[in-house]
Amino acid sequence: GTGKKRFEQQIEKLEVLYPDKARGVAKFDVPMAHLLTAGADFMLIPSRFEPCGLIQLHA
């Protein structure tokens, strides 16, 4: 992760509460990004540096 630790901790709590429905990944991995984009119903993509960036365009 490169963001605020408290947000990562909140995502981890969601993973514990909803183990079959929620997953947070706080790292950059190109093959994983392709799989997540292809298989996701929706994605939350907060970005301070690229608010309308390539991830949204690829999706």
PDB file of N, CA and C in Angstrom:
ATOM      1  N   GLY A   1       0.805  -1.178   0.000  1.00  0.00           N
ATOM      2  CA  GLY A   1       0.000   0.000   0.000  1.00  0.00           C
ATOM      3  C   GLY A   1       0.857   1.253   0.000  1.00  0.00           C
ATOM      4  N   THR A   2       0.324   2.258  -0.617  1.00  0.00           N
ATOM      5  CA  THR A   2       1.016   3.545  -0.646  1.00  0.00           C
ATOM      6  C   THR A   2       0.141   4.651  -0.094  1.00  0.00           C
ATOM      7  N   GLY A   3      -1.012   4.268   0.421  1.00  0.00           N
ATOM      8  CA  GLY A   3      -1.932   5.268   0.932  1.00  0.00           C
ATOM      9  C   GLY A   3      -1.946   5.303   2.445  1.00  0.00           C
ATOM     10  N   LYS A   4      -3.030   5.812   2.978  1.00  0.00           N
ATOM     11  CA  LYS A   4      -3.168   5.931   4.421  1.00  0.00           C
ATOM     12  C   LYS A   4      -3.474   4.563   5.020  1.00  0.00           C
ATOM     13  N   LYS A   5      -2.752   4.244   6.068  1.00  0.00           N
ATOM     14  CA  LYS A   5      -2.865   2.936   6.703  1.00  0.00           C
ATOM     15  C   LYS A   5      -4.280   2.663   7.214  1.00  0.00           C
ATOM     16  N   ARG A   6      -4.974   3.688   7.675  1.00  0.00           N
ATOM     17  CA  ARG A   6      -6.315   3.466   8.232  1.00  0.00           C
ATOM     18  C   ARG A   6      -7.291   2.968   7.168  1.00  0.00           C
ATOM     19  N   PHE A   7      -7.105   3.381   5.917  1.00  0.00           N
ATOM     20  CA  PHE A   7      -7.977   2.892   4.852  1.00  0.00           C
ATOM     21  C   PHE A   7      -7.701   1.415   4.569  1.00  0.00           C
ATOM     22  N   GLU A   8      -6.435   1.044   4.585  1.00  0.00           N
ATOM     23  CA  GLU A   8      -6.092  -0.365   4.393  1.00  0.00           C
ATOM     24  C   GLU A   8      -6.665  -1.208   5.525  1.00  0.00           C
ATOM     25  N   GLN A   9      -6.641  -0.692   6.740  1.00  0.00           N
ATOM     26  CA  GLN A   9      -7.190  -1.415   7.883  1.00  0.00           C
ATOM     27  C   GLN A   9      -8.707  -1.562   7.758  1.00  0.00           C
ATOM     28  N   GLN A  10      -9.380  -0.546   7.233  1.00  0.00           N
ATOM     29  CA  GLN A  10     -10.829  -0.639   7.032  1.00  0.00           C
ATOM     30  C   GLN A  10     -11.168  -1.717   6.003  1.00  0.00           C
ATOM     31  N   ILE A  11     -10.369  -1.788   4.948  1.00  0.00           N
ATOM     32  CA  ILE A  11     -10.584  -2.828   3.934  1.00  0.00           C
ATOM     33  C   ILE A  11     -10.361  -4.207   4.549  1.00  0.00           C
ATOM     34  N   GLU A  12      -9.323  -4.340   5.374  1.00  0.00           N
ATOM     35  CA  GLU A  12      -9.059  -5.619   6.036  1.00  0.00           C
ATOM     36  C   GLU A  12     -10.239  -6.030   6.913  1.00  0.00           C
ATOM     37  N   LYS A  13     -10.873  -5.084   7.581  1.00  0.00           N
ATOM     38  CA  LYS A  13     -12.053  -5.385   8.403  1.00  0.00           C
ATOM     39  C   LYS A  13     -13.204  -5.884   7.530  1.00  0.00           C
ATOM     40  N   LEU A  14     -13.385  -5.261   6.365  1.00  0.00           N
ATOM     41  CA  LEU A  14     -14.427  -5.725   5.448  1.00  0.00           C
ATOM     42  C   LEU A  14     -14.162  -7.150   4.983  1.00  0.00           C
ATOM     43  N   GLU A  15     -12.891  -7.475   4.746  1.00  0.00           N
ATOM     44  CA  GLU A  15     -12.543  -8.830   4.333  1.00  0.00           C
ATOM     45  C   GLU A  15     -12.906  -9.846   5.411  1.00  0.00           C
ATOM     46  N   VAL A  16     -12.719  -9.475   6.683  1.00  0.00           N
ATOM     47  CA  VAL A  16     -13.059 -10.374   7.792  1.00  0.00           C
ATOM     48  C   VAL A  16     -14.577 -10.520   7.907  1.00  0.00           C
ATOM     49  N   LEU A  17     -15.300  -9.404   7.786  1.00  0.00           N
ATOM     50  CA  LEU A  17     -16.759  -9.443   7.895  1.00  0.00           C
ATOM     51  C   LEU A  17     -17.418 -10.170   6.725  1.00  0.00           C
ATOM     52  N   TYR A  18     -16.866 -10.009   5.531  1.00  0.00           N
ATOM     53  CA  TYR A  18     -17.456 -10.575   4.316  1.00  0.00           C
ATOM     54  C   TYR A  18     -16.396 -11.348   3.526  1.00  0.00           C
ATOM     55  N   PRO A  19     -15.942 -12.486   4.053  1.00  0.00           N
ATOM     56  CA  PRO A  19     -14.817 -13.189   3.419  1.00  0.00           C
ATOM     57  C   PRO A  19     -15.094 -13.687   1.999  1.00  0.00           C
ATOM     58  N   ASP A  20     -16.352 -13.934   1.669  1.00  0.00           N
ATOM     59  CA  ASP A  20     -16.673 -14.409   0.323  1.00  0.00           C
ATOM     60  C   ASP A  20     -17.074 -13.287  -0.629  1.00  0.00           C
ATOM     61  N   LYS A  21     -17.122 -12.049  -0.128  1.00  0.00           N
ATOM     62  CA  LYS A  21     -17.627 -10.949  -0.952  1.00  0.00           C
ATOM     63  C   LYS A  21     -16.679  -9.763  -1.086  1.00  0.00           C
ATOM     64  N   ALA A  22     -15.749  -9.600  -0.169  1.00  0.00           N
ATOM     65  CA  ALA A  22     -14.886  -8.413  -0.188  1.00  0.00           C
ATOM     66  C   ALA A  22     -13.420  -8.825  -0.199  1.00  0.00           C
ATOM     67  N   ARG A  23     -12.655  -8.113  -1.001  1.00  0.00           N
ATOM     68  CA  ARG A  23     -11.213  -8.358  -1.064  1.00  0.00           C
ATOM     69  C   ARG A  23     -10.543  -7.046  -1.402  1.00  0.00           C
ATOM     70  N   GLY A  24      -9.508  -6.699  -0.673  1.00  0.00           N
ATOM     71  CA  GLY A  24      -8.734  -5.494  -0.944  1.00  0.00           C
ATOM     72  C   GLY A  24      -7.297  -5.861  -1.268  1.00  0.00           C
ATOM     73  N   VAL A  25      -6.764  -5.250  -2.291  1.00  0.00           N
ATOM     74  CA  VAL A  25      -5.383  -5.512  -2.696  1.00  0.00           C
ATOM     75  C   VAL A  25      -4.672  -4.170  -2.763  1.00  0.00           C
ATOM     76  N   ALA A  26      -3.699  -3.972  -1.892  1.00  0.00           N
ATOM     77  CA  ALA A  26      -2.994  -2.686  -1.812  1.00  0.00           C
ATOM     78  C   ALA A  26      -1.579  -2.825  -2.354  1.00  0.00           C
ATOM     79  N   LYS A  27      -1.482  -3.344  -3.565  1.00  0.00           N
ATOM     80  CA  LYS A  27      -0.181  -3.444  -4.235  1.00  0.00           C
ATOM     81  C   LYS A  27      -0.423  -3.403  -5.739  1.00  0.00           C
ATOM     82  N   PHE A  28       0.633  -3.160  -6.488  1.00  0.00           N
ATOM     83  CA  PHE A  28       0.515  -3.102  -7.941  1.00  0.00           C
ATOM     84  C   PHE A  28       1.032  -4.397  -8.537  1.00  0.00           C
ATOM     85  N   ASP A  29       0.158  -5.075  -9.273  1.00  0.00           N
ATOM     86  CA  ASP A  29       0.498  -6.347  -9.901  1.00  0.00           C
ATOM     87  C   ASP A  29      -0.280  -6.404 -11.220  1.00  0.00           C
ATOM     88  N   VAL A  30       0.404  -6.271 -12.339  1.00  0.00           N
ATOM     89  CA  VAL A  30      -0.264  -6.160 -13.640  1.00  0.00           C
ATOM     90  C   VAL A  30      -1.133  -7.376 -13.959  1.00  0.00           C
ATOM     91  N   PRO A  31      -0.624  -8.613 -13.848  1.00  0.00           N
ATOM     92  CA  PRO A  31      -1.503  -9.756 -14.146  1.00  0.00           C
ATOM     93  C   PRO A  31      -2.743  -9.796 -13.240  1.00  0.00           C
ATOM     94  N   MET A  32      -2.572  -9.482 -11.967  1.00  0.00           N
ATOM     95  CA  MET A  32      -3.716  -9.469 -11.059  1.00  0.00           C
ATOM     96  C   MET A  32      -4.693  -8.362 -11.445  1.00  0.00           C
ATOM     97  N   ALA A  33      -4.188  -7.209 -11.848  1.00  0.00           N
ATOM     98  CA  ALA A  33      -5.055  -6.102 -12.257  1.00  0.00           C
ATOM     99  C   ALA A  33      -5.924  -6.501 -13.444  1.00  0.00           C
ATOM    100  N   HIS A  34      -5.355  -7.227 -14.401  1.00  0.00           N
ATOM    101  CA  HIS A  34      -6.133  -7.682 -15.555  1.00  0.00           C
ATOM    102  C   HIS A  34      -7.231  -8.653 -15.125  1.00  0.00           C
ATOM    103  N   LEU A  35      -6.898  -9.574 -14.235  1.00  0.00           N
ATOM    104  CA  LEU A  35      -7.894 -10.532 -13.751  1.00  0.00           C
ATOM    105  C   LEU A  35      -9.008  -9.839 -12.971  1.00  0.00           C
ATOM    106  N   LEU A  36      -8.628  -8.890 -12.116  1.00  0.00           N
ATOM    107  CA  LEU A  36      -9.628  -8.174 -11.318  1.00  0.00           C
ATOM    108  C   LEU A  36     -10.556  -7.346 -12.196  1.00  0.00           C
ATOM    109  N   THR A  37      -9.994  -6.662 -13.175  1.00  0.00           N
ATOM    110  CA  THR A  37     -10.806  -5.839 -14.068  1.00  0.00           C
ATOM    111  C   THR A  37     -11.763  -6.709 -14.877  1.00  0.00           C
ATOM    112  N   ALA A  38     -11.279  -7.842 -15.349  1.00  0.00           N
ATOM    113  CA  ALA A  38     -12.114  -8.726 -16.163  1.00  0.00           C
ATOM    114  C   ALA A  38     -13.232  -9.373 -15.357  1.00  0.00           C
ATOM    115  N   GLY A  39     -12.977  -9.681 -14.098  1.00  0.00           N
ATOM    116  CA  GLY A  39     -13.949 -10.433 -13.319  1.00  0.00           C
ATOM    117  C   GLY A  39     -14.799  -9.639 -12.354  1.00  0.00           C
ATOM    118  N   ALA A  40     -14.542  -8.362 -12.210  1.00  0.00           N
ATOM    119  CA  ALA A  40     -15.251  -7.572 -11.195  1.00  0.00           C
ATOM    120  C   ALA A  40     -16.600  -7.071 -11.697  1.00  0.00           C
ATOM    121  N   ASP A  41     -17.568  -7.045 -10.791  1.00  0.00           N
ATOM    122  CA  ASP A  41     -18.849  -6.409 -11.088  1.00  0.00           C
ATOM    123  C   ASP A  41     -18.717  -4.893 -10.970  1.00  0.00           C
ATOM    124  N   PHE A  42     -17.911  -4.448 -10.002  1.00  0.00           N
ATOM    125  CA  PHE A  42     -17.589  -3.029  -9.871  1.00  0.00           C
ATOM    126  C   PHE A  42     -16.283  -2.902  -9.110  1.00  0.00           C
ATOM    127  N   MET A  43     -15.642  -1.755  -9.251  1.00  0.00           N
ATOM    128  CA  MET A  43     -14.359  -1.511  -8.589  1.00  0.00           C
ATOM    129  C   MET A  43     -14.362  -0.113  -7.987  1.00  0.00           C
ATOM    130  N   LEU A  44     -13.756   0.019  -6.827  1.00  0.00           N
ATOM    131  CA  LEU A  44     -13.522   1.327  -6.223  1.00  0.00           C
ATOM    132  C   LEU A  44     -12.082   1.690  -6.524  1.00  0.00           C
ATOM    133  N   ILE A  45     -11.882   2.798  -7.211  1.00  0.00           N
ATOM    134  CA  ILE A  45     -10.540   3.176  -7.635  1.00  0.00           C
ATOM    135  C   ILE A  45     -10.276   4.614  -7.216  1.00  0.00           C
ATOM    136  N   PRO A  46      -9.949   4.829  -5.952  1.00  0.00           N
ATOM    137  CA  PRO A  46      -9.613   6.189  -5.532  1.00  0.00           C
ATOM    138  C   PRO A  46      -8.205   6.545  -5.998  1.00  0.00           C
ATOM    139  N   SER A  47      -8.036   7.750  -6.471  1.00  0.00           N
ATOM    140  CA  SER A  47      -6.718   8.154  -6.929  1.00  0.00           C
ATOM    141  C   SER A  47      -6.546   9.654  -6.758  1.00  0.00           C
ATOM    142  N   ARG A  48      -5.509  10.021  -6.084  1.00  0.00           N
ATOM    143  CA  ARG A  48      -5.188  11.434  -5.919  1.00  0.00           C
ATOM    144  C   ARG A  48      -4.439  11.952  -7.140  1.00  0.00           C
ATOM    145  N   PHE A  49      -3.646  11.108  -7.771  1.00  0.00           N
ATOM    146  CA  PHE A  49      -2.756  11.561  -8.831  1.00  0.00           C
ATOM    147  C   PHE A  49      -3.324  11.346 -10.226  1.00  0.00           C
ATOM    148  N   GLU A  50      -4.291  10.462 -10.379  1.00  0.00           N
ATOM    149  CA  GLU A  50      -4.834  10.159 -11.698  1.00  0.00           C
ATOM    150  C   GLU A  50      -6.344   9.901 -11.566  1.00  0.00           C
ATOM    151  N   PRO A  51      -7.129  10.956 -11.274  1.00  0.00           N
ATOM    152  CA  PRO A  51      -8.550  10.763 -10.974  1.00  0.00           C
ATOM    153  C   PRO A  51      -9.385  10.218 -12.133  1.00  0.00           C
ATOM    154  N   CYS A  52      -8.998  10.439 -13.361  1.00  0.00           N
ATOM    155  CA  CYS A  52      -9.691   9.850 -14.517  1.00  0.00           C
ATOM    156  C   CYS A  52      -8.659   9.117 -15.349  1.00  0.00           C
ATOM    157  N   GLY A  53      -8.049   8.137 -14.748  1.00  0.00           N
ATOM    158  CA  GLY A  53      -6.855   7.542 -15.320  1.00  0.00           C
ATOM    159  C   GLY A  53      -7.074   6.305 -16.161  1.00  0.00           C
ATOM    160  N   LEU A  54      -5.984   5.629 -16.408  1.00  0.00           N
ATOM    161  CA  LEU A  54      -5.966   4.496 -17.320  1.00  0.00           C
ATOM    162  C   LEU A  54      -6.748   3.297 -16.813  1.00  0.00           C
ATOM    163  N   ILE A  55      -6.785   3.090 -15.505  1.00  0.00           N
ATOM    164  CA  ILE A  55      -7.514   1.931 -14.984  1.00  0.00           C
ATOM    165  C   ILE A  55      -8.979   2.009 -15.399  1.00  0.00           C
ATOM    166  N   GLN A  56      -9.590   3.175 -15.233  1.00  0.00           N
ATOM    167  CA  GLN A  56     -10.987   3.341 -15.616  1.00  0.00           C
ATOM    168  C   GLN A  56     -11.170   3.169 -17.124  1.00  0.00           C
ATOM    169  N   LEU A  57     -10.252   3.682 -17.915  1.00  0.00           N
ATOM    170  CA  LEU A  57     -10.351   3.549 -19.370  1.00  0.00           C
ATOM    171  C   LEU A  57     -10.205   2.098 -19.797  1.00  0.00           C
ATOM    172  N   HIS A  58      -9.295   1.368 -19.175  1.00  0.00           N
ATOM    173  CA  HIS A  58      -9.117  -0.046 -19.505  1.00  0.00           C
ATOM    174  C   HIS A  58     -10.355  -0.857 -19.140  1.00  0.00           C
ATOM    175  N   ALA A  59     -10.970  -0.502 -18.005  1.00  0.00           N
ATOM    176  CA  ALA A  59     -12.153  -1.251 -17.560  1.00  0.00           C
ATOM    177  C   ALA A  59     -13.309  -1.036 -18.518  1.00  0.00           C
TER     178      ALA A  59
END
